[in-house]
Amino acid sequence: MGLFFCLPSLERSQAVTLKFTLKDRRDRVIYEKFLTPIARSGIASLKIPTSETFGELEMNHIYRWKFSIAYNNGDRHEEVERLDSASCDETDPNR
């Protein structure tokens, strides 16, 4: 499974943290990944692992994800987040 994000142009001189978090319906973190910023704007992809250490996402379960861009200057009002996500609770995997 992979997700795609549209990223703004980030200068190499900017101290930026990119973070993806996947949580279950009880708000427990089941996967978290820090990404390396890219210098140009564009589409970035993130592949969610399916290894034995991570396990598979289960059908009929609700998951929430958040992708955040935090500028590391200590000023939290500049943080950009995707707060809501689509639920992955489809019963038909072909949809």
C-alpha atoms as a PDB file:
ATOM      1  CA  MET A   1       0.000   0.000   0.000  1.00  0.00           C
ATOM      2  CA  GLY A   2       1.320   3.442  -0.832  1.00  0.00           C
ATOM      3  CA  LEU A   3       0.254   7.018  -0.167  1.00  0.00           C
ATOM      4  CA  PHE A   4       1.113  10.128  -2.151  1.00  0.00           C
ATOM      5  CA  PHE A   5       1.548  13.690  -0.878  1.00  0.00           C
ATOM      6  CA  CYS A   6       1.972  17.006  -2.636  1.00  0.00           C
ATOM      7  CA  LEU A   7       4.851  18.854  -0.972  1.00  0.00           C
ATOM      8  CA  PRO A   8       5.712  22.550  -1.179  1.00  0.00           C
ATOM      9  CA  SER A   9       9.170  23.687  -2.210  1.00  0.00           C
ATOM     10  CA  LEU A  10      11.457  23.439   0.814  1.00  0.00           C
ATOM     11  CA  GLU A  11      14.821  25.175   0.783  1.00  0.00           C
ATOM     12  CA  ARG A  12      17.728  23.090   2.001  1.00  0.00           C
ATOM     13  CA  SER A  13      18.537  25.835   4.495  1.00  0.00           C
ATOM     14  CA  GLN A  14      15.147  25.388   6.197  1.00  0.00           C
ATOM     15  CA  ALA A  15      15.064  23.067   9.182  1.00  0.00           C
ATOM     16  CA  VAL A  16      11.958  21.011   8.483  1.00  0.00           C
ATOM     17  CA  THR A  17      10.565  17.767   9.874  1.00  0.00           C
ATOM     18  CA  LEU A  18       8.197  15.679   7.748  1.00  0.00           C
ATOM     19  CA  LYS A  19       6.283  13.023   9.661  1.00  0.00           C
ATOM     20  CA  PHE A  20       3.657  10.436   8.730  1.00  0.00           C
ATOM     21  CA  THR A  21       1.645   8.783  11.511  1.00  0.00           C
ATOM     22  CA  LEU A  22      -0.880   5.954  11.179  1.00  0.00           C
ATOM     23  CA  LYS A  23      -3.212   5.260  14.117  1.00  0.00           C
ATOM     24  CA  ASP A  24      -5.877   2.701  14.872  1.00  0.00           C
ATOM     25  CA  ARG A  25      -9.401   3.564  16.023  1.00  0.00           C
ATOM     26  CA  ARG A  26      -8.245   3.754  19.649  1.00  0.00           C
ATOM     27  CA  ASP A  27      -5.742   6.454  18.665  1.00  0.00           C
ATOM     28  CA  ARG A  28      -2.758   4.136  19.177  1.00  0.00           C
ATOM     29  CA  VAL A  29       0.187   4.754  16.869  1.00  0.00           C
ATOM     30  CA  ILE A  30       0.737   1.657  14.753  1.00  0.00           C
ATOM     31  CA  TYR A  31       3.241   3.193  12.336  1.00  0.00           C
ATOM     32  CA  GLU A  32       5.313   6.360  12.309  1.00  0.00           C
ATOM     33  CA  LYS A  33       7.866   7.458   9.740  1.00  0.00           C
ATOM     34  CA  PHE A  34      10.045  10.546   9.443  1.00  0.00           C
ATOM     35  CA  LEU A  35      10.781  11.549   5.854  1.00  0.00           C
ATOM     36  CA  THR A  36      13.666  13.426   4.290  1.00  0.00           C
ATOM     37  CA  PRO A  37      12.596  16.793   2.846  1.00  0.00           C
ATOM     38  CA  ILE A  38      13.168  17.349  -0.856  1.00  0.00           C
ATOM     39  CA  ALA A  39      14.414  20.656  -2.271  1.00  0.00           C
ATOM     40  CA  ARG A  40      11.732  20.994  -4.944  1.00  0.00           C
ATOM     41  CA  SER A  41       7.968  20.897  -4.769  1.00  0.00           C
ATOM     42  CA  GLY A  42       6.172  17.879  -6.106  1.00  0.00           C
ATOM     43  CA  ILE A  43       4.633  14.549  -5.339  1.00  0.00           C
ATOM     44  CA  ALA A  44       6.278  12.369  -2.709  1.00  0.00           C
ATOM     45  CA  SER A  45       5.307   8.780  -2.060  1.00  0.00           C
ATOM     46  CA  LEU A  46       5.382   6.703   1.073  1.00  0.00           C
ATOM     47  CA  LYS A  47       5.088   2.946   1.005  1.00  0.00           C
ATOM     48  CA  ILE A  48       3.548   1.446   4.123  1.00  0.00           C
ATOM     49  CA  PRO A  49       5.444  -1.743   4.954  1.00  0.00           C
ATOM     50  CA  THR A  50       3.763  -5.118   4.983  1.00  0.00           C
ATOM     51  CA  SER A  51       6.490  -6.997   6.834  1.00  0.00           C
ATOM     52  CA  GLU A  52       5.975  -9.332   9.756  1.00  0.00           C
ATOM     53  CA  THR A  53       7.064  -6.602  12.163  1.00  0.00           C
ATOM     54  CA  PHE A  54       4.331  -4.260  10.956  1.00  0.00           C
ATOM     55  CA  GLY A  55       1.600  -6.703   9.999  1.00  0.00           C
ATOM     56  CA  GLU A  56      -1.193  -6.153   7.534  1.00  0.00           C
ATOM     57  CA  LEU A  57      -3.955  -3.587   7.811  1.00  0.00           C
ATOM     58  CA  GLU A  58      -7.172  -5.434   8.459  1.00  0.00           C
ATOM     59  CA  MET A  59     -10.423  -5.143   6.538  1.00  0.00           C
ATOM     60  CA  ASN A  60     -13.357  -3.552   8.406  1.00  0.00           C
ATOM     61  CA  HIS A  61     -11.026  -1.656  10.756  1.00  0.00           C
ATOM     62  CA  ILE A  62     -10.788   2.108  10.895  1.00  0.00           C
ATOM     63  CA  TYR A  63      -7.372   3.736  10.566  1.00  0.00           C
ATOM     64  CA  ARG A  64      -6.455   7.404  10.659  1.00  0.00           C
ATOM     65  CA  TRP A  65      -3.364   8.988   9.237  1.00  0.00           C
ATOM     66  CA  LYS A  66      -1.678  12.341   9.633  1.00  0.00           C
ATOM     67  CA  PHE A  67       1.061  13.915   7.569  1.00  0.00           C
ATOM     68  CA  SER A  68       2.756  16.937   9.128  1.00  0.00           C
ATOM     69  CA  ILE A  69       5.336  19.475   8.029  1.00  0.00           C
ATOM     70  CA  ALA A  70       6.959  21.179  11.014  1.00  0.00           C
ATOM     71  CA  TYR A  71       9.370  24.060  10.643  1.00  0.00           C
ATOM     72  CA  ASN A  72      11.951  23.508  13.375  1.00  0.00           C
ATOM     73  CA  ASN A  73      12.243  27.074  14.570  1.00  0.00           C
ATOM     74  CA  GLY A  74      10.211  26.384  17.713  1.00  0.00           C
ATOM     75  CA  ASP A  75       7.170  28.269  16.430  1.00  0.00           C
ATOM     76  CA  ARG A  76       4.281  25.756  16.456  1.00  0.00           C
ATOM     77  CA  HIS A  77       1.859  28.053  14.594  1.00  0.00           C
ATOM     78  CA  GLU A  78       3.872  27.438  11.417  1.00  0.00           C
ATOM     79  CA  GLU A  79       3.234  23.697  11.557  1.00  0.00           C
ATOM     80  CA  VAL A  80       1.119  22.352   8.709  1.00  0.00           C
ATOM     81  CA  GLU A  81      -0.878  19.179   9.281  1.00  0.00           C
ATOM     82  CA  ARG A  82      -3.415  17.020   7.549  1.00  0.00           C
ATOM     83  CA  LEU A  83      -5.613  16.410  10.583  1.00  0.00           C
ATOM     84  CA  ASP A  84      -8.412  14.288   9.165  1.00  0.00           C
ATOM     85  CA  SER A  85      -8.054  11.308   6.940  1.00  0.00           C
ATOM     86  CA  ALA A  86     -10.309   9.021   5.034  1.00  0.00           C
ATOM     87  CA  SER A  87     -11.184   5.894   6.938  1.00  0.00           C
ATOM     88  CA  CYS A  88      -9.939   2.625   5.503  1.00  0.00           C
ATOM     89  CA  ASP A  89     -13.013   0.634   6.359  1.00  0.00           C
ATOM     90  CA  GLU A  90     -14.043  -0.617   2.947  1.00  0.00           C
ATOM     91  CA  THR A  91     -15.403  -4.137   2.884  1.00  0.00           C
ATOM     92  CA  ASP A  92     -14.721  -4.589  -0.832  1.00  0.00           C
ATOM     93  CA  PRO A  93     -10.961  -4.529  -1.583  1.00  0.00           C
ATOM     94  CA  ASN A  94     -11.688  -3.903  -5.286  1.00  0.00           C
ATOM     95  CA  ARG A  95     -13.296  -0.502  -4.634  1.00  0.00           C
END
